PDB file of N, CA and C in Angstrom:
ATOM      1  N   UNK A   1      21.043  99.049 -13.394  1.00  0.00           N
ATOM      2  CA  UNK A   1      22.266  99.173 -14.194  1.00  0.00           C
ATOM      3  C   UNK A   1      23.413  98.471 -13.540  1.00  0.00           C
ATOM      4  N   UNK A   2      23.563  98.791 -12.232  1.00  0.00           N
ATOM      5  CA  UNK A   2      24.714  98.183 -11.493  1.00  0.00           C
ATOM      6  C   UNK A   2      24.519  96.727 -11.347  1.00  0.00           C
ATOM      7  N   UNK A   3      23.283  96.221 -11.151  1.00  0.00           N
ATOM      8  CA  UNK A   3      23.118  94.738 -11.044  1.00  0.00           C
ATOM      9  C   UNK A   3      23.382  94.108 -12.390  1.00  0.00           C
ATOM     10  N   UNK A   4      23.098  94.712 -13.529  1.00  0.00           N
ATOM     11  CA  UNK A   4      23.395  94.118 -14.819  1.00  0.00           C
ATOM     12  C   UNK A   4      24.858  94.024 -14.989  1.00  0.00           C
ATOM     13  N   UNK A   5      25.658  94.986 -14.529  1.00  0.00           N
ATOM     14  CA  UNK A   5      27.148  94.904 -14.630  1.00  0.00           C
ATOM     15  C   UNK A   5      27.633  93.752 -13.770  1.00  0.00           C
ATOM     16  N   UNK A   6      27.134  93.574 -12.593  1.00  0.00           N
ATOM     17  CA  UNK A   6      27.496  92.439 -11.754  1.00  0.00           C
ATOM     18  C   UNK A   6      27.081  91.157 -12.393  1.00  0.00           C
ATOM     19  N   UNK A   7      25.974  91.092 -12.993  1.00  0.00           N
ATOM     20  CA  UNK A   7      25.472  89.867 -13.663  1.00  0.00           C
ATOM     21  C   UNK A   7      26.451  89.489 -14.785  1.00  0.00           C
ATOM     22  N   UNK A   8      26.816  90.502 -15.654  1.00  0.00           N
ATOM     23  CA  UNK A   8      27.732  90.214 -16.750  1.00  0.00           C
ATOM     24  C   UNK A   8      29.086  89.747 -16.240  1.00  0.00           C
ATOM     25  N   UNK A   9      29.523  90.308 -15.081  1.00  0.00           N
ATOM     26  CA  UNK A   9      30.819  89.879 -14.503  1.00  0.00           C
ATOM     27  C   UNK A   9      30.647  88.406 -14.004  1.00  0.00           C
ATOM     28  N   UNK A  10      29.538  88.118 -13.395  1.00  0.00           N
ATOM     29  CA  UNK A  10      29.323  86.756 -12.824  1.00  0.00           C
ATOM     30  C   UNK A  10      29.228  85.726 -13.934  1.00  0.00           C
ATOM     31  N   UNK A  11      28.568  86.029 -15.051  1.00  0.00           N
ATOM     32  CA  UNK A  11      28.456  85.022 -16.092  1.00  0.00           C
ATOM     33  C   UNK A  11      29.729  84.921 -16.848  1.00  0.00           C
ATOM     34  N   UNK A  12      30.591  85.901 -16.753  1.00  0.00           N
ATOM     35  CA  UNK A  12      31.884  85.704 -17.394  1.00  0.00           C
ATOM     36  C   UNK A  12      32.741  84.614 -16.629  1.00  0.00           C
ATOM     37  N   UNK A  13      32.329  84.439 -15.441  1.00  0.00           N
ATOM     38  CA  UNK A  13      33.050  83.349 -14.607  1.00  0.00           C
ATOM     39  C   UNK A  13      32.233  82.028 -14.668  1.00  0.00           C
ATOM     40  N   UNK A  14      30.930  82.111 -14.699  1.00  0.00           N
ATOM     41  CA  UNK A  14      30.034  81.005 -14.597  1.00  0.00           C
ATOM     42  C   UNK A  14      29.021  80.969 -15.668  1.00  0.00           C
ATOM     43  N   UNK A  15      29.384  81.008 -16.927  1.00  0.00           N
ATOM     44  CA  UNK A  15      28.401  80.920 -18.012  1.00  0.00           C
ATOM     45  C   UNK A  15      27.650  79.574 -17.934  1.00  0.00           C
ATOM     46  N   UNK A  16      26.352  79.580 -17.802  1.00  0.00           N
ATOM     47  CA  UNK A  16      25.620  78.375 -17.596  1.00  0.00           C
ATOM     48  C   UNK A  16      25.435  77.534 -18.876  1.00  0.00           C
ATOM     49  N   UNK A  17      26.387  76.736 -19.145  1.00  0.00           N
ATOM     50  CA  UNK A  17      26.340  75.809 -20.291  1.00  0.00           C
ATOM     51  C   UNK A  17      26.699  74.432 -19.886  1.00  0.00           C
ATOM     52  N   UNK A  18      26.219  73.464 -20.694  1.00  0.00           N
ATOM     53  CA  UNK A  18      26.661  72.051 -20.524  1.00  0.00           C
ATOM     54  C   UNK A  18      25.939  71.429 -19.303  1.00  0.00           C
ATOM     55  N   UNK A  19      26.560  70.330 -18.922  1.00  0.00           N
ATOM     56  CA  UNK A  19      26.003  69.529 -17.859  1.00  0.00           C
ATOM     57  C   UNK A  19      25.883  70.196 -16.495  1.00  0.00           C
ATOM     58  N   UNK A  20      26.742  71.200 -16.276  1.00  0.00           N
ATOM     59  CA  UNK A  20      26.756  71.892 -15.036  1.00  0.00           C
ATOM     60  C   UNK A  20      26.064  73.282 -15.013  1.00  0.00           C
ATOM     61  N   UNK A  21      25.187  73.435 -16.024  1.00  0.00           N
ATOM     62  CA  UNK A  21      24.544  74.776 -16.238  1.00  0.00           C
ATOM     63  C   UNK A  21      23.833  75.248 -14.971  1.00  0.00           C
ATOM     64  N   UNK A  22      23.141  74.413 -14.275  1.00  0.00           N
ATOM     65  CA  UNK A  22      22.356  74.863 -13.125  1.00  0.00           C
ATOM     66  C   UNK A  22      23.265  75.122 -11.884  1.00  0.00           C
ATOM     67  N   UNK A  23      24.374  74.449 -11.848  1.00  0.00           N
ATOM     68  CA  UNK A  23      25.397  74.830 -10.783  1.00  0.00           C
ATOM     69  C   UNK A  23      25.924  76.198 -11.056  1.00  0.00           C
ATOM     70  N   UNK A  24      26.134  76.507 -12.366  1.00  0.00           N
ATOM     71  CA  UNK A  24      26.664  77.822 -12.722  1.00  0.00           C
ATOM     72  C   UNK A  24      25.628  78.930 -12.371  1.00  0.00           C
ATOM     73  N   UNK A  25      24.358  78.606 -12.565  1.00  0.00           N
ATOM     74  CA  UNK A  25      23.255  79.571 -12.185  1.00  0.00           C
ATOM     75  C   UNK A  25      23.314  79.850 -10.670  1.00  0.00           C
ATOM     76  N   UNK A  26      23.460  78.742  -9.927  1.00  0.00           N
ATOM     77  CA  UNK A  26      23.497  78.890  -8.485  1.00  0.00           C
ATOM     78  C   UNK A  26      24.742  79.707  -8.069  1.00  0.00           C
ATOM     79  N   UNK A  27      25.850  79.449  -8.669  1.00  0.00           N
ATOM     80  CA  UNK A  27      27.099  80.226  -8.387  1.00  0.00           C
ATOM     81  C   UNK A  27      26.898  81.686  -8.713  1.00  0.00           C
ATOM     82  N   UNK A  28      26.218  81.987  -9.832  1.00  0.00           N
ATOM     83  CA  UNK A  28      25.906  83.341 -10.184  1.00  0.00           C
ATOM     84  C   UNK A  28      24.980  83.939  -9.196  1.00  0.00           C
ATOM     85  N   UNK A  29      24.011  83.237  -8.735  1.00  0.00           N
ATOM     86  CA  UNK A  29      23.074  83.776  -7.702  1.00  0.00           C
ATOM     87  C   UNK A  29      23.822  84.131  -6.422  1.00  0.00           C
ATOM     88  N   UNK A  30      24.696  83.255  -6.002  1.00  0.00           N
ATOM     89  CA  UNK A  30      25.466  83.484  -4.766  1.00  0.00           C
ATOM     90  C   UNK A  30      26.354  84.711  -4.933  1.00  0.00           C
ATOM     91  N   UNK A  31      27.007  84.820  -6.053  1.00  0.00           N
ATOM     92  CA  UNK A  31      27.885  85.986  -6.321  1.00  0.00           C
ATOM     93  C   UNK A  31      27.095  87.269  -6.289  1.00  0.00           C
ATOM     94  N   UNK A  32      25.959  87.252  -6.982  1.00  0.00           N
ATOM     95  CA  UNK A  32      25.136  88.432  -6.997  1.00  0.00           C
ATOM     96  C   UNK A  32      24.602  88.804  -5.573  1.00  0.00           C
ATOM     97  N   UNK A  33      24.233  87.816  -4.824  1.00  0.00           N
ATOM     98  CA  UNK A  33      23.730  88.062  -3.448  1.00  0.00           C
ATOM     99  C   UNK A  33      24.826  88.708  -2.593  1.00  0.00           C
ATOM    100  N   UNK A  34      26.089  88.255  -2.808  1.00  0.00           N
ATOM    101  CA  UNK A  34      27.194  88.825  -2.063  1.00  0.00           C
ATOM    102  C   UNK A  34      27.431  90.278  -2.451  1.00  0.00           C
ATOM    103  N   UNK A  35      27.336  90.546  -3.746  1.00  0.00           N
ATOM    104  CA  UNK A  35      27.669  91.897  -4.239  1.00  0.00           C
ATOM    105  C   UNK A  35      26.490  92.846  -4.049  1.00  0.00           C
ATOM    106  N   UNK A  36      25.298  92.348  -4.079  1.00  0.00           N
ATOM    107  CA  UNK A  36      24.110  93.171  -3.893  1.00  0.00           C
ATOM    108  C   UNK A  36      23.153  92.540  -2.818  1.00  0.00           C
ATOM    109  N   UNK A  37      23.544  92.607  -1.627  1.00  0.00           N
ATOM    110  CA  UNK A  37      22.775  91.931  -0.505  1.00  0.00           C
ATOM    111  C   UNK A  37      21.382  92.489  -0.327  1.00  0.00           C
ATOM    112  N   UNK A  38      21.116  93.660  -0.806  1.00  0.00           N
ATOM    113  CA  UNK A  38      19.774  94.246  -0.606  1.00  0.00           C
ATOM    114  C   UNK A  38      18.775  93.826  -1.726  1.00  0.00           C
ATOM    115  N   UNK A  39      19.225  93.032  -2.677  1.00  0.00           N
ATOM    116  CA  UNK A  39      18.341  92.588  -3.710  1.00  0.00           C
ATOM    117  C   UNK A  39      18.254  91.066  -3.686  1.00  0.00           C
ATOM    118  N   UNK A  40      17.145  90.542  -4.223  1.00  0.00           N
ATOM    119  CA  UNK A  40      16.946  89.106  -4.275  1.00  0.00           C
ATOM    120  C   UNK A  40      16.844  88.656  -5.780  1.00  0.00           C
ATOM    121  N   UNK A  41      17.584  87.623  -6.141  1.00  0.00           N
ATOM    122  CA  UNK A  41      17.592  87.094  -7.467  1.00  0.00           C
ATOM    123  C   UNK A  41      17.152  85.655  -7.475  1.00  0.00           C
ATOM    124  N   UNK A  42      16.311  85.284  -8.456  1.00  0.00           N
ATOM    125  CA  UNK A  42      15.953  83.912  -8.630  1.00  0.00           C
ATOM    126  C   UNK A  42      16.709  83.277  -9.845  1.00  0.00           C
ATOM    127  N   UNK A  43      16.729  82.013  -9.931  1.00  0.00           N
ATOM    128  CA  UNK A  43      17.380  81.355 -11.042  1.00  0.00           C
ATOM    129  C   UNK A  43      16.683  81.713 -12.379  1.00  0.00           C
ATOM    130  N   UNK A  44      15.382  81.816 -12.314  1.00  0.00           N
ATOM    131  CA  UNK A  44      14.637  82.210 -13.561  1.00  0.00           C
ATOM    132  C   UNK A  44      14.977  83.611 -14.007  1.00  0.00           C
ATOM    133  N   UNK A  45      15.105  84.551 -13.061  1.00  0.00           N
ATOM    134  CA  UNK A  45      15.469  85.911 -13.401  1.00  0.00           C
ATOM    135  C   UNK A  45      16.856  85.924 -14.057  1.00  0.00           C
ATOM    136  N   UNK A  46      17.749  85.204 -13.475  1.00  0.00           N
ATOM    137  CA  UNK A  46      19.135  85.219 -14.013  1.00  0.00           C
ATOM    138  C   UNK A  46      19.162  84.599 -15.403  1.00  0.00           C
ATOM    139  N   UNK A  47      18.501  83.493 -15.606  1.00  0.00           N
ATOM    140  CA  UNK A  47      18.441  82.858 -16.927  1.00  0.00           C
ATOM    141  C   UNK A  47      17.842  83.784 -17.958  1.00  0.00           C
ATOM    142  N   UNK A  48      16.731  84.477 -17.549  1.00  0.00           N
ATOM    143  CA  UNK A  48      16.062  85.370 -18.467  1.00  0.00           C
ATOM    144  C   UNK A  48      17.029  86.530 -18.874  1.00  0.00           C
ATOM    145  N   UNK A  49      17.719  87.094 -17.927  1.00  0.00           N
ATOM    146  CA  UNK A  49      18.677  88.143 -18.180  1.00  0.00           C
ATOM    147  C   UNK A  49      19.816  87.706 -19.108  1.00  0.00           C
ATOM    148  N   UNK A  50      20.311  86.478 -18.834  1.00  0.00           N
ATOM    149  CA  UNK A  50      21.419  85.976 -19.613  1.00  0.00           C
ATOM    150  C   UNK A  50      20.960  85.754 -21.011  1.00  0.00           C
ATOM    151  N   UNK A  51      19.731  85.255 -21.230  1.00  0.00           N
ATOM    152  CA  UNK A  51      19.211  85.029 -22.566  1.00  0.00           C
ATOM    153  C   UNK A  51      19.011  86.284 -23.364  1.00  0.00           C
ATOM    154  N   UNK A  52      19.052  87.419 -22.753  1.00  0.00           N
ATOM    155  CA  UNK A  52      19.050  88.697 -23.540  1.00  0.00           C
ATOM    156  C   UNK A  52      20.412  88.878 -24.297  1.00  0.00           C
ATOM    157  N   UNK A  53      21.459  88.265 -23.772  1.00  0.00           N
ATOM    158  CA  UNK A  53      22.769  88.441 -24.329  1.00  0.00           C
ATOM    159  C   UNK A  53      23.250  87.212 -25.106  1.00  0.00           C
ATOM    160  N   UNK A  54      22.828  86.032 -24.694  1.00  0.00           N
ATOM    161  CA  UNK A  54      23.292  84.769 -25.246  1.00  0.00           C
ATOM    162  C   UNK A  54      22.131  83.880 -25.690  1.00  0.00           C
ATOM    163  N   UNK A  55      22.289  83.131 -26.738  1.00  0.00           N
ATOM    164  CA  UNK A  55      21.312  82.124 -27.147  1.00  0.00           C
ATOM    165  C   UNK A  55      21.867  80.788 -26.465  1.00  0.00           C
ATOM    166  N   UNK A  56      21.398  80.600 -25.219  1.00  0.00           N
ATOM    167  CA  UNK A  56      21.986  79.451 -24.463  1.00  0.00           C
ATOM    168  C   UNK A  56      21.691  78.107 -25.092  1.00  0.00           C
ATOM    169  N   UNK A  57      20.535  77.965 -25.715  1.00  0.00           N
ATOM    170  CA  UNK A  57      20.243  76.691 -26.362  1.00  0.00           C
ATOM    171  C   UNK A  57      21.208  76.385 -27.465  1.00  0.00           C
ATOM    172  N   UNK A  58      21.501  77.373 -28.291  1.00  0.00           N
ATOM    173  CA  UNK A  58      22.424  77.146 -29.398  1.00  0.00           C
ATOM    174  C   UNK A  58      23.858  76.878 -28.857  1.00  0.00           C
ATOM    175  N   UNK A  59      24.271  77.641 -27.826  1.00  0.00           N
ATOM    176  CA  UNK A  59      25.544  77.426 -27.246  1.00  0.00           C
ATOM    177  C   UNK A  59      25.671  76.044 -26.626  1.00  0.00           C
ATOM    178  N   UNK A  60      24.536  75.621 -25.965  1.00  0.00           N
ATOM    179  CA  UNK A  60      24.518  74.343 -25.325  1.00  0.00           C
ATOM    180  C   UNK A  60      24.708  73.223 -26.359  1.00  0.00           C
ATOM    181  N   UNK A  61      24.164  73.389 -27.554  1.00  0.00           N
ATOM    182  CA  UNK A  61      24.313  72.380 -28.597  1.00  0.00           C
ATOM    183  C   UNK A  61      25.804  72.198 -28.943  1.00  0.00           C
ATOM    184  N   UNK A  62      26.593  73.299 -28.843  1.00  0.00           N
ATOM    185  CA  UNK A  62      28.011  73.174 -29.210  1.00  0.00           C
ATOM    186  C   UNK A  62      28.817  72.618 -28.082  1.00  0.00           C
ATOM    187  N   UNK A  63      28.319  72.767 -26.872  1.00  0.00           N
ATOM    188  CA  UNK A  63      29.076  72.236 -25.693  1.00  0.00           C
ATOM    189  C   UNK A  63      28.808  70.743 -25.477  1.00  0.00           C
ATOM    190  N   UNK A  64      27.521  70.375 -25.666  1.00  0.00           N
ATOM    191  CA  UNK A  64      27.127  68.960 -25.403  1.00  0.00           C
ATOM    192  C   UNK A  64      27.032  68.252 -26.739  1.00  0.00           C
ATOM    193  N   UNK A  65      27.851  67.228 -26.931  1.00  0.00           N
ATOM    194  CA  UNK A  65      27.815  66.406 -28.110  1.00  0.00           C
ATOM    195  C   UNK A  65      26.992  65.190 -27.790  1.00  0.00           C
ATOM    196  N   UNK A  66      25.736  65.169 -28.273  1.00  0.00           N
ATOM    197  CA  UNK A  66      24.789  64.056 -27.963  1.00  0.00           C
ATOM    198  C   UNK A  66      25.324  62.673 -28.317  1.00  0.00           C
ATOM    199  N   UNK A  67      26.181  62.625 -29.365  1.00  0.00           N
ATOM    200  CA  UNK A  67      26.658  61.338 -29.824  1.00  0.00           C
ATOM    201  C   UNK A  67      27.732  60.799 -28.859  1.00  0.00           C
ATOM    202  N   UNK A  68      28.321  61.683 -28.029  1.00  0.00           N
ATOM    203  CA  UNK A  68      29.335  61.226 -27.135  1.00  0.00           C
ATOM    204  C   UNK A  68      28.814  60.950 -25.691  1.00  0.00           C
ATOM    205  N   UNK A  69      27.537  61.188 -25.471  1.00  0.00           N
ATOM    206  CA  UNK A  69      26.953  60.844 -24.108  1.00  0.00           C
ATOM    207  C   UNK A  69      26.815  59.394 -23.968  1.00  0.00           C
ATOM    208  N   UNK A  70      27.375  58.850 -22.903  1.00  0.00           N
ATOM    209  CA  UNK A  70      27.309  57.445 -22.652  1.00  0.00           C
ATOM    210  C   UNK A  70      26.300  57.219 -21.480  1.00  0.00           C
ATOM    211  N   UNK A  71      25.471  56.218 -21.661  1.00  0.00           N
ATOM    212  CA  UNK A  71      24.481  55.922 -20.553  1.00  0.00           C
ATOM    213  C   UNK A  71      25.275  55.439 -19.319  1.00  0.00           C
ATOM    214  N   UNK A  72      24.768  55.812 -18.189  1.00  0.00           N
ATOM    215  CA  UNK A  72      25.420  55.456 -16.911  1.00  0.00           C
ATOM    216  C   UNK A  72      24.540  54.441 -16.220  1.00  0.00           C
ATOM    217  N   UNK A  73      25.174  53.386 -15.732  1.00  0.00           N
ATOM    218  CA  UNK A  73      24.503  52.410 -14.909  1.00  0.00           C
ATOM    219  C   UNK A  73      25.440  52.004 -13.794  1.00  0.00           C
ATOM    220  N   UNK A  74      24.920  51.810 -12.586  1.00  0.00           N
ATOM    221  CA  UNK A  74      25.690  51.330 -11.482  1.00  0.00           C
ATOM    222  C   UNK A  74      26.061  49.870 -11.760  1.00  0.00           C
ATOM    223  N   UNK A  75      27.272  49.464 -11.368  1.00  0.00           N
ATOM    224  CA  UNK A  75      27.576  48.035 -11.455  1.00  0.00           C
ATOM    225  C   UNK A  75      26.665  47.213 -10.604  1.00  0.00           C
ATOM    226  N   UNK A  76      25.908  46.276 -11.266  1.00  0.00           N
ATOM    227  CA  UNK A  76      24.902  45.502 -10.537  1.00  0.00           C
ATOM    228  C   UNK A  76      25.435  44.615  -9.446  1.00  0.00           C
ATOM    229  N   UNK A  77      26.661  44.104  -9.638  1.00  0.00           N
ATOM    230  CA  UNK A  77      27.190  43.188  -8.608  1.00  0.00           C
ATOM    231  C   UNK A  77      27.396  43.962  -7.300  1.00  0.00           C
ATOM    232  N   UNK A  78      27.857  45.187  -7.405  1.00  0.00           N
ATOM    233  CA  UNK A  78      28.194  45.922  -6.185  1.00  0.00           C
ATOM    234  C   UNK A  78      26.979  46.615  -5.568  1.00  0.00           C
ATOM    235  N   UNK A  79      25.992  46.944  -6.390  1.00  0.00           N
ATOM    236  CA  UNK A  79      24.882  47.770  -5.877  1.00  0.00           C
ATOM    237  C   UNK A  79      23.545  47.043  -5.998  1.00  0.00           C
ATOM    238  N   UNK A  80      23.540  45.799  -6.240  1.00  0.00           N
ATOM    239  CA  UNK A  80      22.319  45.044  -6.472  1.00  0.00           C
ATOM    240  C   UNK A  80      21.348  45.196  -5.289  1.00  0.00           C
ATOM    241  N   UNK A  81      21.807  44.979  -4.124  1.00  0.00           N
ATOM    242  CA  UNK A  81      20.986  45.039  -2.939  1.00  0.00           C
ATOM    243  C   UNK A  81      20.386  46.439  -2.724  1.00  0.00           C
ATOM    244  N   UNK A  82      21.167  47.475  -2.960  1.00  0.00           N
ATOM    245  CA  UNK A  82      20.672  48.814  -2.786  1.00  0.00           C
ATOM    246  C   UNK A  82      19.641  49.175  -3.852  1.00  0.00           C
ATOM    247  N   UNK A  83      19.868  48.678  -5.084  1.00  0.00           N
ATOM    248  CA  UNK A  83      18.924  48.996  -6.150  1.00  0.00           C
ATOM    249  C   UNK A  83      17.573  48.218  -5.864  1.00  0.00           C
ATOM    250  N   UNK A  84      17.650  46.999  -5.366  1.00  0.00           N
ATOM    251  CA  UNK A  84      16.417  46.261  -5.049  1.00  0.00           C
ATOM    252  C   UNK A  84      15.689  46.940  -3.889  1.00  0.00           C
ATOM    253  N   UNK A  85      16.402  47.342  -2.886  1.00  0.00           N
ATOM    254  CA  UNK A  85      15.827  48.023  -1.821  1.00  0.00           C
ATOM    255  C   UNK A  85      15.124  49.317  -2.189  1.00  0.00           C
ATOM    256  N   UNK A  86      15.724  50.070  -3.060  1.00  0.00           N
ATOM    257  CA  UNK A  86      15.179  51.283  -3.579  1.00  0.00           C
ATOM    258  C   UNK A  86      13.949  51.024  -4.431  1.00  0.00           C
ATOM    259  N   UNK A  87      13.943  49.962  -5.215  1.00  0.00           N
ATOM    260  CA  UNK A  87      12.798  49.543  -6.033  1.00  0.00           C
ATOM    261  C   UNK A  87      11.648  49.236  -5.163  1.00  0.00           C
ATOM    262  N   UNK A  88      11.884  48.416  -4.101  1.00  0.00           N
ATOM    263  CA  UNK A  88      10.795  48.050  -3.168  1.00  0.00           C
ATOM    264  C   UNK A  88      10.222  49.250  -2.487  1.00  0.00           C
ATOM    265  N   UNK A  89      11.074  50.159  -2.043  1.00  0.00           N
ATOM    266  CA  UNK A  89      10.695  51.320  -1.380  1.00  0.00           C
ATOM    267  C   UNK A  89       9.803  52.245  -2.219  1.00  0.00           C
ATOM    268  N   UNK A  90      10.151  52.353  -3.553  1.00  0.00           N
ATOM    269  CA  UNK A  90       9.352  53.101  -4.478  1.00  0.00           C
ATOM    270  C   UNK A  90       8.021  52.457  -4.713  1.00  0.00           C
ATOM    271  N   UNK A  91       7.964  51.139  -4.818  1.00  0.00           N
ATOM    272  CA  UNK A  91       6.750  50.473  -4.986  1.00  0.00           C
ATOM    273  C   UNK A  91       5.791  50.660  -3.804  1.00  0.00           C
ATOM    274  N   UNK A  92       6.333  50.653  -2.613  1.00  0.00           N
ATOM    275  CA  UNK A  92       5.548  50.805  -1.408  1.00  0.00           C
ATOM    276  C   UNK A  92       4.984  52.247  -1.357  1.00  0.00           C
ATOM    277  N   UNK A  93       5.743  53.173  -1.698  1.00  0.00           N
ATOM    278  CA  UNK A  93       5.280  54.585  -1.717  1.00  0.00           C
ATOM    279  C   UNK A  93       4.148  54.827  -2.719  1.00  0.00           C
ATOM    280  N   UNK A  94       4.182  54.138  -3.790  1.00  0.00           N
ATOM    281  CA  UNK A  94       3.117  54.301  -4.831  1.00  0.00           C
ATOM    282  C   UNK A  94       1.808  53.679  -4.355  1.00  0.00           C
ATOM    283  N   UNK A  95       1.914  52.665  -3.501  1.00  0.00           N
ATOM    284  CA  UNK A  95       0.665  51.952  -3.036  1.00  0.00           C
ATOM    285  C   UNK A  95       0.152  52.581  -1.810  1.00  0.00           C
TER     286      UNK A  95
END
């Protein structure tokens, strides 16, 4: 019961939605570990508990507007050598 109260307090600060949802889960874990040092919490446990109160998928749809997400690419002029080096390194690891 006490841990559930702490969880609800933590998610009022760090509700895991949007692009930073997993950072919010980690912050919730840290807060719970500080408040209840004798208990161990995993991210899956926290998400499962939160889903008892919130439909995170539906809320996420309201937070993330798929139409406004822009693809990200590094500027090739500035990072070309690093990208080529990374590509070669990945190919070597596969072989």
